[in-house]
Amino acid sequence: MVGRPAYRPLVPSELSPRLLRGFVAVAEELHFTRAAARLYVAQQALSRDVRSLERELGAVLFVRSTRRVTLTPEGERLLPYARGVLAAHEALDAAFGRGPAAGGRPLTVDVAAPVSTGSRVLEAAREAAPGVEFVARYYSGLTAAADDLLAGGLDVAFGRVAGLPREVLRGLDHRLVRYERVAVLLPGRHRLADLDEVPLAALEGETLYAGAGNPGTAEWTSYAADLFAGYGIRLAEPFPKIEGEREFARVVRGRGWSVLATSVFVGVEGMVLRPLTDPVPLSPVSMVWRRGLRHAGLTALADAARAAGAREGWLARAPDTWLPRADEALSPTTR
């Protein structure tokens, strides 16, 4: 009796796209829990689908242990074909306005705050792609959002990628969309409040709040530390995470803080927002998404960011501007 071959080629129509989609998600994440979250399915259901696919193919696709998941040679062989089949299915669905490629499931997008670069991009994408359902999220910072991006609980976020650990960045794709001008939020009676712009040197001896103590905004705190170095500006001591605009205003006014912010910050009553100068510090804002994500909404967001940037000069840099070395080191192709 002839034994069953380790791998038998099948016509794509014989395999369910759902099974292939589950296989590709696990192959890219190498983690069943993250892959299940990415697909919005239960982990048990995803495991059943992978086992069903293995039975259909007569091949073991993954080596599973308590610590890790790896592809077998058969899994490595299948992966490019599975991606090709799914791309063909998605193209067909998109042509007829249905399926995941046409925005069949909601895309969750962290815009950080109701007034932000991310929120502007999101609103423009909603107008340009009314058939896609975008769901806004409001994380306190990209460091907090990155964990959920990797886990599949969030699809897209906006923020400073240079402040993320390298191991986190390996699982993400990103594109620079804007340089926001950095500013300082001052109490109304501050000695510098009447200036139109505040030179960095004028802040020598001042203490500014920049999110220290909030692990979710670590990328912003590290930016502040780089900016303050050499100007004699102190970083405010760590303080517990502040939730909500009203609580932020209460704490900041109560402690008499000046705050490092950007030009898009909504402000606080009784305080004034002044751009910094000499040099002009810029805060890079990138659109960030989980590597391997495919969704029509992702394209709509990227197109909206590109259009706004071209219209308003979001990526223009004058000679007197400043960026941290970590941000300068990012090549244009990865921003």
Protein backbone atom coordinates (compact mmCIF):
# COMPACT_ATOMS: atom_id res chain seq x y z
CA MET A 1 0.00 0.00 0.00
CA VAL A 2 1.37 3.37 -0.98
CA GLY A 3 1.69 5.75 1.98
CA ARG A 4 0.15 9.21 2.01
CA PRO A 5 2.62 11.88 0.81
CA ALA A 6 3.90 14.44 3.28
CA TYR A 7 2.45 17.23 1.15
CA ARG A 8 -0.03 17.01 -1.70
CA PRO A 9 -0.62 20.08 -3.83
CA LEU A 10 -4.25 21.17 -3.88
CA VAL A 11 -6.21 23.39 -6.18
CA PRO A 12 -6.84 26.65 -4.19
CA SER A 13 -10.60 26.23 -4.40
CA GLU A 14 -10.33 22.99 -2.39
CA LEU A 15 -9.07 24.90 0.64
CA SER A 16 -11.13 27.29 2.73
CA PRO A 17 -9.73 30.84 2.75
CA ARG A 18 -10.52 30.90 6.47
CA LEU A 19 -8.12 28.01 7.10
CA LEU A 20 -5.40 29.65 5.04
CA ARG A 21 -5.96 33.00 6.76
CA GLY A 22 -5.54 31.37 10.15
CA PHE A 23 -2.39 29.59 9.02
CA VAL A 24 -0.83 32.80 7.68
CA ALA A 25 -1.66 34.72 10.86
CA VAL A 26 0.01 32.09 13.06
CA ALA A 27 2.97 31.87 10.68
CA GLU A 28 3.51 35.64 10.87
CA GLU A 29 2.92 36.01 14.60
CA LEU A 30 4.42 32.64 15.67
CA HIS A 31 1.99 32.90 18.56
CA PHE A 32 -1.55 31.47 18.62
CA THR A 33 -2.94 34.00 21.11
CA ARG A 34 -1.72 37.02 19.13
CA ALA A 35 -2.86 35.49 15.85
CA ALA A 36 -6.33 34.83 17.28
CA ALA A 37 -6.61 38.41 18.54
CA ARG A 38 -5.52 39.70 15.14
CA LEU A 39 -8.28 37.69 13.45
CA TYR A 40 -10.91 38.44 16.13
CA VAL A 41 -11.49 34.73 16.79
CA ALA A 42 -11.15 32.49 19.83
CA GLN A 43 -7.77 30.80 20.23
CA GLN A 44 -9.44 27.39 20.43
CA ALA A 45 -11.22 28.00 17.11
CA LEU A 46 -7.96 29.06 15.45
CA SER A 47 -6.18 25.95 16.77
CA ARG A 48 -8.98 23.77 15.34
CA ASP A 49 -8.66 25.50 11.96
CA VAL A 50 -4.92 24.90 11.85
CA ARG A 51 -5.40 21.24 12.72
CA SER A 52 -8.07 20.98 9.99
CA LEU A 53 -5.68 22.47 7.45
CA GLU A 54 -2.95 20.06 8.51
CA ARG A 55 -5.37 17.14 8.01
CA GLU A 56 -6.39 18.47 4.59
CA LEU A 57 -2.75 18.74 3.51
CA GLY A 58 -1.50 15.65 5.25
CA ALA A 59 1.35 17.68 6.71
CA VAL A 60 2.42 19.12 10.05
CA LEU A 61 2.75 22.89 9.60
CA PHE A 62 3.92 24.02 13.05
CA VAL A 63 6.08 22.71 15.85
CA ARG A 64 4.35 23.70 19.08
CA SER A 65 5.88 23.81 22.54
CA THR A 66 5.00 25.54 25.80
CA ARG A 67 7.42 28.35 24.97
CA ARG A 68 7.33 28.86 21.22
CA VAL A 69 5.74 28.10 17.89
CA THR A 70 7.87 27.53 14.77
CA LEU A 71 7.14 26.63 11.17
CA THR A 72 8.07 23.18 9.88
CA PRO A 73 9.67 22.87 6.43
CA GLU A 74 6.19 22.03 5.08
CA GLY A 75 4.84 25.19 6.70
CA GLU A 76 7.62 27.29 5.19
CA ARG A 77 6.83 25.76 1.80
CA LEU A 78 3.12 26.49 2.10
CA LEU A 79 3.39 30.09 3.34
CA PRO A 80 4.06 31.94 0.04
CA TYR A 81 1.36 29.92 -1.74
CA ALA A 82 -1.15 30.62 1.04
CA ARG A 83 -0.41 34.33 0.86
CA GLY A 84 -0.90 34.27 -2.90
CA VAL A 85 -4.25 32.49 -2.64
CA LEU A 86 -5.47 34.95 0.03
CA ALA A 87 -4.33 37.93 -2.04
CA ALA A 88 -6.32 36.60 -4.98
CA HIS A 89 -9.42 36.10 -2.81
CA GLU A 90 -9.09 39.58 -1.32
CA ALA A 91 -8.66 41.16 -4.75
CA LEU A 92 -11.80 39.39 -5.93
CA ASP A 93 -13.75 40.48 -2.85
CA ALA A 94 -12.53 44.06 -3.17
CA ALA A 95 -13.59 44.17 -6.82
CA PHE A 96 -17.15 43.41 -5.73
CA GLY A 97 -17.10 45.53 -2.56
CA ARG A 98 -17.07 42.77 0.02
CA GLY A 99 -14.78 40.85 2.34
CA PRO A 100 -11.88 41.91 4.61
CA ALA A 101 -10.05 43.73 1.82
CA ALA A 102 -13.11 45.92 1.35
CA GLY A 103 -13.20 46.75 5.05
CA GLY A 104 -15.46 43.90 6.15
CA ARG A 105 -14.31 44.13 9.77
CA PRO A 106 -13.75 47.36 11.71
CA LEU A 107 -10.25 48.81 11.84
CA THR A 108 -9.29 49.99 15.33
CA VAL A 109 -7.18 53.16 15.27
CA ASP A 110 -5.51 54.88 18.22
CA VAL A 111 -5.45 58.64 17.62
CA ALA A 112 -4.14 59.49 21.14
CA ALA A 113 -6.56 62.41 21.64
CA PRO A 114 -9.72 63.87 20.05
CA VAL A 115 -7.59 66.73 18.66
CA SER A 116 -4.39 65.33 17.14
CA THR A 117 -2.64 64.51 13.89
CA GLY A 118 -4.05 60.99 14.15
CA SER A 119 -7.62 62.22 14.57
CA ARG A 120 -7.28 64.47 11.52
CA VAL A 121 -5.99 61.59 9.41
CA LEU A 122 -8.78 59.33 10.70
CA GLU A 123 -11.53 61.82 9.85
CA ALA A 124 -10.13 62.32 6.34
CA ALA A 125 -9.96 58.54 5.83
CA ARG A 126 -13.58 58.17 6.96
CA GLU A 127 -14.66 60.70 4.36
CA ALA A 128 -12.62 59.06 1.62
CA ALA A 129 -13.66 55.48 2.46
CA PRO A 130 -17.26 55.56 3.76
CA GLY A 131 -17.58 51.80 3.32
CA VAL A 132 -14.88 51.10 5.90
CA GLU A 133 -15.73 51.06 9.61
CA PHE A 134 -13.03 52.79 11.66
CA VAL A 135 -13.19 52.57 15.47
CA ALA A 136 -11.21 55.24 17.34
CA ARG A 137 -9.19 54.50 20.47
CA TYR A 138 -7.50 56.98 22.83
CA TYR A 139 -4.32 55.61 24.37
CA SER A 140 -2.07 57.90 26.40
CA GLY A 141 0.99 57.17 24.27
CA LEU A 142 2.51 55.00 21.57
CA THR A 143 4.39 52.86 24.09
CA ALA A 144 1.05 51.78 25.58
CA ALA A 145 -0.53 51.30 22.16
CA ALA A 146 2.39 49.22 20.82
CA ASP A 147 1.67 46.30 23.15
CA ASP A 148 -1.88 46.03 21.82
CA LEU A 149 -0.69 46.48 18.24
CA LEU A 150 1.53 43.43 18.61
CA ALA A 151 -1.17 41.45 20.42
CA GLY A 152 -3.76 42.19 17.73
CA GLY A 153 -6.11 44.15 19.98
CA LEU A 154 -5.36 47.34 18.03
CA ASP A 155 -4.62 47.81 14.34
CA VAL A 156 -3.10 51.28 13.84
CA ALA A 157 -1.62 53.99 16.06
CA PHE A 158 0.20 57.31 15.68
CA GLY A 159 3.29 58.48 17.52
CA ARG A 160 7.07 58.63 17.83
CA VAL A 161 8.46 55.24 16.82
CA ALA A 162 12.10 56.06 17.66
CA GLY A 163 11.17 55.87 21.34
CA LEU A 164 10.06 52.22 21.10
CA PRO A 165 12.34 49.28 21.97
CA ARG A 166 13.93 47.53 18.98
CA GLU A 167 12.26 44.22 19.78
CA VAL A 168 8.87 45.95 19.61
CA LEU A 169 9.67 47.70 16.33
CA ARG A 170 10.54 44.38 14.69
CA GLY A 171 6.87 43.44 14.74
CA LEU A 172 5.62 46.76 13.38
CA ASP A 173 5.61 48.72 10.16
CA HIS A 174 5.56 52.52 10.20
CA ARG A 175 5.57 55.56 7.97
CA LEU A 176 6.41 59.12 8.94
CA VAL A 177 3.41 61.39 8.34
CA ARG A 178 4.18 64.66 10.10
CA TYR A 179 6.68 66.77 12.02
CA GLU A 180 4.76 68.54 14.80
CA ARG A 181 6.36 71.67 16.20
CA VAL A 182 7.17 71.31 19.89
CA ALA A 183 5.81 73.89 22.32
CA VAL A 184 5.65 74.67 26.02
CA LEU A 185 2.45 75.10 28.00
CA LEU A 186 3.03 77.87 30.56
CA PRO A 187 0.97 79.23 33.47
CA GLY A 188 -0.65 82.51 32.40
CA ARG A 189 1.51 84.53 34.84
CA HIS A 190 4.78 82.85 33.89
CA ARG A 191 7.67 85.20 33.13
CA LEU A 192 7.79 83.93 29.52
CA ALA A 193 4.05 83.85 28.86
CA ASP A 194 4.01 87.13 26.92
CA LEU A 195 6.52 85.92 24.33
CA ASP A 196 5.24 84.78 20.93
CA GLU A 197 7.94 82.07 20.86
CA VAL A 198 10.09 80.78 23.71
CA PRO A 199 13.83 80.24 23.07
CA LEU A 200 15.03 76.98 24.59
CA ALA A 201 17.84 78.83 26.38
CA ALA A 202 15.23 80.96 28.17
CA LEU A 203 13.96 77.83 29.94
CA GLU A 204 17.26 77.22 31.73
CA GLY A 205 16.57 76.33 35.34
CA GLU A 206 12.90 75.54 34.64
CA THR A 207 11.24 72.21 35.45
CA LEU A 208 8.86 70.85 32.79
CA TYR A 209 6.43 67.96 32.99
CA ALA A 210 6.81 65.43 30.14
CA GLY A 211 4.95 62.33 31.30
CA ALA A 212 7.62 60.85 33.58
CA GLY A 213 5.98 58.16 35.70
CA ASN A 214 3.53 57.15 32.97
CA PRO A 215 4.99 54.03 31.28
CA GLY A 216 2.55 54.40 28.39
CA THR A 217 4.22 57.63 27.23
CA ALA A 218 7.85 56.57 27.64
CA GLU A 219 8.63 57.60 24.06
CA TRP A 220 7.65 61.21 24.88
CA THR A 221 9.61 61.30 28.15
CA SER A 222 12.74 60.08 26.35
CA TYR A 223 12.25 62.76 23.69
CA ALA A 224 12.08 65.42 26.44
CA ALA A 225 15.23 64.12 28.12
CA ASP A 226 17.13 64.41 24.82
CA LEU A 227 15.77 67.91 24.20
CA PHE A 228 16.50 69.24 27.69
CA ALA A 229 20.09 67.99 27.75
CA GLY A 230 22.48 70.90 27.32
CA TYR A 231 19.90 73.60 28.09
CA GLY A 232 19.72 73.23 31.87
CA ILE A 233 16.04 72.26 31.77
CA ARG A 234 14.90 69.76 34.37
CA LEU A 235 12.43 66.95 33.82
CA ALA A 236 9.63 66.91 36.42
CA GLU A 237 9.79 64.00 38.85
CA PRO A 238 7.74 60.89 38.02
CA PHE A 239 4.03 61.28 38.69
CA PRO A 240 1.27 58.65 38.37
CA LYS A 241 -0.52 58.44 35.04
CA ILE A 242 -3.07 61.24 34.69
CA GLU A 243 -6.40 60.14 33.16
CA GLY A 244 -8.59 62.58 31.20
CA GLU A 245 -8.36 66.24 30.21
CA ARG A 246 -10.09 67.59 33.33
CA GLU A 247 -7.81 65.66 35.67
CA PHE A 248 -4.76 66.72 33.65
CA ALA A 249 -5.78 70.39 33.94
CA ARG A 250 -6.42 70.04 37.69
CA VAL A 251 -3.05 68.40 38.39
CA VAL A 252 -1.03 70.72 36.16
CA ARG A 253 -2.59 73.89 37.55
CA GLY A 254 -2.42 72.60 41.12
CA ARG A 255 1.28 71.78 40.92
CA GLY A 256 2.15 74.91 38.95
CA TRP A 257 3.83 72.90 36.22
CA SER A 258 4.98 74.04 32.83
CA VAL A 259 4.42 71.24 30.31
CA LEU A 260 6.28 70.09 27.20
CA ALA A 261 3.70 69.74 24.44
CA THR A 262 3.28 70.19 20.69
CA SER A 263 1.53 72.80 18.60
CA VAL A 264 -1.59 70.61 18.23
CA PHE A 265 -2.18 70.41 22.00
CA VAL A 266 -5.67 71.65 22.96
CA GLY A 267 -4.41 73.69 25.91
CA VAL A 268 -5.54 74.25 29.50
CA GLU A 269 -7.63 77.15 30.79
CA GLY A 270 -5.43 79.74 32.49
CA MET A 271 -2.33 78.57 30.61
CA VAL A 272 -0.76 79.59 27.30
CA LEU A 273 0.84 77.46 24.59
CA ARG A 274 4.02 78.89 23.09
CA PRO A 275 6.16 77.28 20.34
CA LEU A 276 9.82 76.68 21.13
CA THR A 277 12.62 78.14 19.04
CA ASP A 278 16.41 78.54 18.72
CA PRO A 279 16.44 75.77 17.53
CA VAL A 280 12.91 74.70 16.53
CA PRO A 281 12.33 71.20 18.00
CA LEU A 282 10.15 68.87 15.93
CA SER A 283 8.25 65.83 17.15
CA PRO A 284 8.00 63.11 14.44
CA VAL A 285 4.57 61.47 14.20
CA SER A 286 4.39 58.18 12.33
CA MET A 287 1.50 55.96 11.38
CA VAL A 288 2.26 52.57 12.94
CA TRP A 289 0.62 49.22 12.25
CA ARG A 290 1.17 45.53 12.92
CA ARG A 291 3.45 43.89 10.37
CA GLY A 292 1.44 41.78 7.92
CA LEU A 293 -1.83 43.67 8.44
CA ARG A 294 -4.01 43.86 5.32
CA HIS A 295 -7.12 46.00 5.30
CA ALA A 296 -8.66 48.57 2.99
CA GLY A 297 -8.77 51.00 5.91
CA LEU A 298 -4.99 50.90 6.22
CA THR A 299 -4.66 52.12 2.64
CA ALA A 300 -7.28 54.82 3.25
CA LEU A 301 -5.38 56.10 6.30
CA ALA A 302 -2.05 56.15 4.46
CA ASP A 303 -3.60 58.00 1.51
CA ALA A 304 -5.27 60.54 3.83
CA ALA A 305 -1.99 61.19 5.68
CA ARG A 306 -0.10 61.59 2.42
CA ALA A 307 -2.67 64.03 1.02
CA ALA A 308 -2.73 66.17 4.19
CA GLY A 309 1.05 66.18 4.32
CA ALA A 310 1.37 67.35 0.74
CA ARG A 311 -1.31 70.01 1.19
CA GLU A 312 -0.01 71.43 4.47
CA GLY A 313 3.71 70.70 4.34
CA TRP A 314 3.69 68.24 7.21
CA LEU A 315 7.09 66.81 6.28
CA ALA A 316 8.86 70.09 5.52
CA ARG A 317 11.98 70.80 7.59
CA ALA A 318 13.72 74.15 7.81
CA PRO A 319 17.49 74.35 8.51
CA ASP A 320 16.95 75.60 12.08
CA THR A 321 14.97 72.53 13.21
CA TRP A 322 16.06 69.85 15.69
CA LEU A 323 15.39 66.13 16.09
CA PRO A 324 16.85 63.62 18.56
CA ARG A 325 19.62 61.45 17.09
CA ALA A 326 17.42 58.37 17.28
CA ASP A 327 14.85 60.04 15.01
CA GLU A 328 17.49 61.35 12.61
CA ALA A 329 18.84 57.80 12.31
CA LEU A 330 15.56 56.45 10.92
CA SER A 331 15.94 56.18 7.17
CA PRO A 332 13.23 57.83 5.03
CA THR A 333 12.16 54.43 3.69
CA THR A 334 11.22 53.18 7.17
CA ARG A 335 9.55 56.32 8.43
